[in-house]
Amino acid sequence: MTELTQPTVGPSFDAWGASVMAAEAAWLDRWSAGPTETDLTLLREGSEAPDLSLRDHTGRVRHLSEFWSGAPALLMFWRHFGCSCGATRAARLEAEWSDYRDEGLNPVIITVGDPVRASAYRVAHGLSAPLLCDPDARAFRAYGVGHWSVERVLYDAPAAFLSHSREVGRAFQDGRRRRGNPPVDDPWRSVGEFVISPAGRVRLAYGYQYCEDFPDPRVITTAARLSLG
């Protein structure tokens, strides 16, 4: 299933389609405005992890602290649902899943999407982890996951994209829509992964330098092991 294919399970097509359309409009507005949150910095290792309440892909309200209660958590702040890097990270996560679980880690994905699209995305990519929805990016900001600068997002794009004009963005979006994975929500939002100890402290703060800067899973599993010490 792709982003513009009617879900076979979960939300109705009308609710899902309306959500996608609104998310596309938000993406285009933010694309044109450019990155606005480039001054945020990741939480320091040893910091107390903010405990926010977010709805998951089923609509249920969850607290982040649920995932580090009694075991380390892996909080994964995700790219937007139309990003190919997110699809790649999803495949890697499933391949790495048993390694994480063997260390007692509880992985959870935090997205800028809403439960309607998060549910469809989770099914489409065969994800085992729950998805938590942060449409206002409150959790992203609380953990210091801001916006990438233009060069970190568009380093491999044609020169015409560097102006991030509305016309260029609309043409790009139209092309990706025809392929079934339009960009949505926020083009500039960066990503990061955090290992949180059972005491609620940041053991590892891994900030991506660009979209495909995926962590070696051994960095995460070693941090999880050390978080128990």
Protein backbone atom coordinates (compact mmCIF):
# COMPACT_ATOMS: atom_id res chain seq x y z
CA MET A 1 0.00 0.00 0.00
CA THR A 2 1.21 3.51 -0.76
CA GLU A 3 0.33 6.85 0.73
CA LEU A 4 -2.50 7.52 -1.74
CA THR A 5 -3.99 4.04 -1.78
CA GLN A 6 -7.17 3.49 0.21
CA PRO A 7 -6.35 1.62 3.43
CA THR A 8 -7.64 -1.95 3.49
CA VAL A 9 -7.92 -1.85 7.28
CA GLY A 10 -8.31 0.93 9.82
CA PRO A 11 -9.74 4.35 9.03
CA SER A 12 -12.32 5.05 6.35
CA PHE A 13 -11.15 6.39 3.01
CA ASP A 14 -12.94 9.71 3.57
CA ALA A 15 -11.18 10.37 6.89
CA TRP A 16 -7.84 9.20 5.54
CA GLY A 17 -8.12 11.17 2.30
CA ALA A 18 -9.06 14.38 4.11
CA SER A 19 -6.10 13.90 6.45
CA VAL A 20 -3.69 13.44 3.54
CA MET A 21 -4.98 16.54 1.75
CA ALA A 22 -4.57 18.69 4.86
CA ALA A 23 -1.07 17.28 5.45
CA GLU A 24 -0.07 18.05 1.85
CA ALA A 25 -1.23 21.66 2.22
CA ALA A 26 0.73 22.01 5.47
CA TRP A 27 3.85 20.64 3.76
CA LEU A 28 3.62 23.14 0.91
CA ASP A 29 3.19 26.10 3.26
CA ARG A 30 6.18 25.02 5.36
CA TRP A 31 8.26 24.28 2.29
CA SER A 32 7.76 27.83 1.06
CA ALA A 33 8.45 29.37 4.48
CA GLY A 34 11.73 27.49 4.85
CA PRO A 35 13.21 26.08 8.06
CA THR A 36 12.25 28.12 11.12
CA GLU A 37 13.48 26.00 14.05
CA THR A 38 17.19 25.64 13.38
CA ASP A 39 18.23 26.89 16.82
CA LEU A 40 17.03 23.84 18.79
CA THR A 41 19.61 21.46 20.24
CA LEU A 42 19.14 17.86 21.32
CA LEU A 43 18.73 17.10 24.98
CA ARG A 44 22.01 16.36 26.68
CA GLU A 45 22.81 12.83 27.73
CA GLY A 46 21.95 12.51 31.41
CA SER A 47 19.02 14.92 31.10
CA GLU A 48 15.63 14.02 32.46
CA ALA A 49 13.46 12.78 29.59
CA PRO A 50 10.29 14.86 29.10
CA ASP A 51 7.16 12.81 29.67
CA LEU A 52 4.42 13.92 27.29
CA SER A 53 1.06 12.36 26.50
CA LEU A 54 0.36 11.63 22.82
CA ARG A 55 -2.23 9.63 20.93
CA ASP A 56 -1.02 6.43 19.33
CA HIS A 57 -1.96 5.01 15.93
CA THR A 58 -5.19 3.63 17.42
CA GLY A 59 -6.17 6.98 18.96
CA ARG A 60 -5.38 5.86 22.51
CA VAL A 61 -3.60 8.38 24.75
CA ARG A 62 -0.17 7.15 25.82
CA HIS A 63 2.51 8.59 28.09
CA LEU A 64 6.12 8.40 26.96
CA SER A 65 7.12 7.18 30.40
CA GLU A 66 5.14 3.97 29.77
CA PHE A 67 7.90 2.88 27.42
CA TRP A 68 10.78 3.33 29.87
CA SER A 69 8.96 2.04 32.93
CA GLY A 70 11.03 -0.98 34.04
CA ALA A 71 13.07 -1.18 30.83
CA PRO A 72 14.99 1.14 28.51
CA ALA A 73 13.07 2.80 25.71
CA LEU A 74 14.11 3.75 22.19
CA LEU A 75 12.28 6.93 21.19
CA MET A 76 12.52 7.33 17.42
CA PHE A 77 11.55 10.75 16.07
CA TRP A 78 10.51 10.03 12.49
CA ARG A 79 10.55 11.81 9.14
CA HIS A 80 7.26 12.66 7.44
CA PHE A 81 5.23 9.82 5.97
CA GLY A 82 6.04 10.68 2.35
CA CYS A 83 9.80 10.54 2.89
CA SER A 84 11.70 7.61 1.37
CA CYS A 85 14.18 7.76 4.26
CA GLY A 86 11.37 6.87 6.64
CA ALA A 87 10.55 3.82 4.51
CA THR A 88 14.20 2.78 4.62
CA ARG A 89 14.35 3.26 8.40
CA ALA A 90 11.19 1.19 8.75
CA ALA A 91 12.79 -1.73 6.90
CA ARG A 92 15.96 -1.40 8.97
CA LEU A 93 13.96 -1.25 12.19
CA GLU A 94 12.21 -4.51 11.41
CA ALA A 95 15.54 -6.14 10.54
CA GLU A 96 17.02 -4.87 13.82
CA TRP A 97 13.93 -5.58 15.91
CA SER A 98 15.09 -8.79 17.56
CA ASP A 99 18.43 -7.21 18.53
CA TYR A 100 16.62 -4.35 20.25
CA ARG A 101 14.15 -6.60 22.00
CA ASP A 102 16.91 -8.96 23.14
CA GLU A 103 18.38 -6.00 25.05
CA GLY A 104 14.99 -5.30 26.62
CA LEU A 105 14.45 -2.14 24.58
CA ASN A 106 10.95 -0.82 23.97
CA PRO A 107 11.06 0.98 20.59
CA VAL A 108 8.39 3.58 19.89
CA ILE A 109 8.06 5.87 16.87
CA ILE A 110 7.02 9.52 17.25
CA THR A 111 5.59 11.18 14.15
CA VAL A 112 4.19 14.54 13.10
CA GLY A 113 1.21 12.73 11.60
CA ASP A 114 -2.20 11.96 13.05
CA PRO A 115 -3.70 8.60 14.10
CA VAL A 116 -5.60 8.19 10.81
CA ARG A 117 -2.46 8.26 8.67
CA ALA A 118 -0.22 6.69 11.31
CA SER A 119 -2.40 3.59 11.37
CA ALA A 120 -2.21 3.21 7.58
CA TYR A 121 1.55 3.90 7.56
CA ARG A 122 2.20 1.28 10.23
CA VAL A 123 0.34 -1.37 8.23
CA ALA A 124 1.95 -0.35 4.94
CA HIS A 125 5.47 -0.74 6.33
CA GLY A 126 4.82 -3.75 8.52
CA LEU A 127 6.02 -1.96 11.64
CA SER A 128 6.00 -3.74 14.99
CA ALA A 129 6.54 -0.59 17.04
CA PRO A 130 3.64 1.61 18.09
CA LEU A 131 3.39 5.04 16.46
CA LEU A 132 2.70 8.08 18.62
CA CYS A 133 1.27 11.16 16.95
CA ASP A 134 2.66 14.64 17.60
CA PRO A 135 0.95 16.86 15.01
CA ASP A 136 2.03 20.07 16.74
CA ALA A 137 5.62 18.78 17.18
CA ARG A 138 5.51 19.38 20.93
CA ALA A 139 7.52 16.28 21.72
CA PHE A 140 9.97 17.01 18.89
CA ARG A 141 10.68 20.42 20.37
CA ALA A 142 10.84 19.12 23.95
CA TYR A 143 13.64 16.76 22.89
CA GLY A 144 15.35 19.43 20.79
CA VAL A 145 14.51 17.87 17.42
CA GLY A 146 14.06 20.99 15.31
CA HIS A 147 14.46 21.80 11.62
CA TRP A 148 17.34 20.92 9.38
CA SER A 149 18.86 23.75 7.38
CA VAL A 150 18.19 23.75 3.63
CA GLU A 151 21.46 22.03 2.66
CA ARG A 152 20.79 19.09 4.99
CA VAL A 153 17.47 18.36 3.27
CA LEU A 154 18.28 19.33 -0.34
CA TYR A 155 21.96 18.35 -0.64
CA ASP A 156 21.16 15.91 -3.47
CA ALA A 157 18.38 17.94 -5.12
CA PRO A 158 18.58 19.94 -8.38
CA ALA A 159 19.78 23.53 -7.98
CA ALA A 160 16.30 24.90 -8.70
CA PHE A 161 15.07 23.35 -5.44
CA LEU A 162 17.40 25.41 -3.26
CA SER A 163 15.08 28.43 -3.46
CA HIS A 164 12.31 26.22 -2.00
CA SER A 165 9.79 28.33 -3.89
CA ARG A 166 6.12 27.45 -3.79
CA GLU A 167 6.10 26.71 -7.53
CA VAL A 168 8.96 24.22 -7.23
CA GLY A 169 7.37 22.64 -4.18
CA ARG A 170 4.00 22.26 -5.86
CA ALA A 171 5.54 20.62 -8.95
CA PHE A 172 7.56 18.25 -6.77
CA GLN A 173 4.50 17.39 -4.72
CA ASP A 174 2.40 16.75 -7.82
CA GLY A 175 5.01 14.36 -9.19
CA ARG A 176 5.30 12.45 -5.93
CA ARG A 177 1.52 12.26 -5.64
CA ARG A 178 1.34 10.51 -8.99
CA ARG A 179 3.85 7.99 -7.65
CA GLY A 180 1.75 7.48 -4.54
CA ASN A 181 3.90 9.06 -1.83
CA PRO A 182 3.38 12.83 -1.69
CA PRO A 183 5.43 14.82 0.83
CA VAL A 184 3.33 15.78 3.84
CA ASP A 185 3.38 17.69 7.13
CA ASP A 186 6.85 19.24 7.46
CA PRO A 187 9.71 19.06 4.93
CA TRP A 188 12.34 20.48 7.28
CA ARG A 189 11.68 18.54 10.50
CA SER A 190 14.82 16.65 11.47
CA VAL A 191 14.96 13.27 13.15
CA GLY A 192 16.73 11.73 16.10
CA GLU A 193 16.75 8.66 18.29
CA PHE A 194 17.03 8.52 22.07
CA VAL A 195 17.74 5.68 24.44
CA ILE A 196 16.01 6.45 27.73
CA SER A 197 16.98 4.58 30.89
CA PRO A 198 14.38 3.02 33.21
CA ALA A 199 15.16 5.93 35.55
CA GLY A 200 13.84 8.32 32.88
CA ARG A 201 17.24 9.73 31.89
CA VAL A 202 18.66 10.23 28.40
CA ARG A 203 21.41 7.66 27.94
CA LEU A 204 21.95 8.27 24.21
CA ALA A 205 20.90 11.22 22.06
CA TYR A 206 21.55 10.41 18.40
CA GLY A 207 20.87 13.34 16.09
CA TYR A 208 20.82 12.64 12.36
CA GLN A 209 22.99 15.03 10.36
CA TYR A 210 20.89 14.36 7.25
CA CYS A 211 18.03 12.10 6.22
CA GLU A 212 19.94 8.84 5.67
CA ASP A 213 22.32 9.17 8.63
CA PHE A 214 20.97 6.00 10.25
CA PRO A 215 22.58 4.82 13.50
CA ASP A 216 24.49 1.57 13.74
CA PRO A 217 22.14 -0.62 15.81
CA ARG A 218 25.08 -1.64 18.02
CA VAL A 219 25.32 1.95 19.26
CA ILE A 220 21.71 1.70 20.41
CA THR A 221 21.95 -1.76 21.95
CA THR A 222 25.16 -0.88 23.81
CA ALA A 223 23.51 2.26 25.19
CA ALA A 224 20.55 0.19 26.28
CA ARG A 225 22.82 -2.23 28.11
CA LEU A 226 24.67 0.59 29.85
CA SER A 227 21.42 2.30 30.82
CA LEU A 228 20.76 -0.57 33.21
CA GLY A 229 24.01 -0.10 35.10
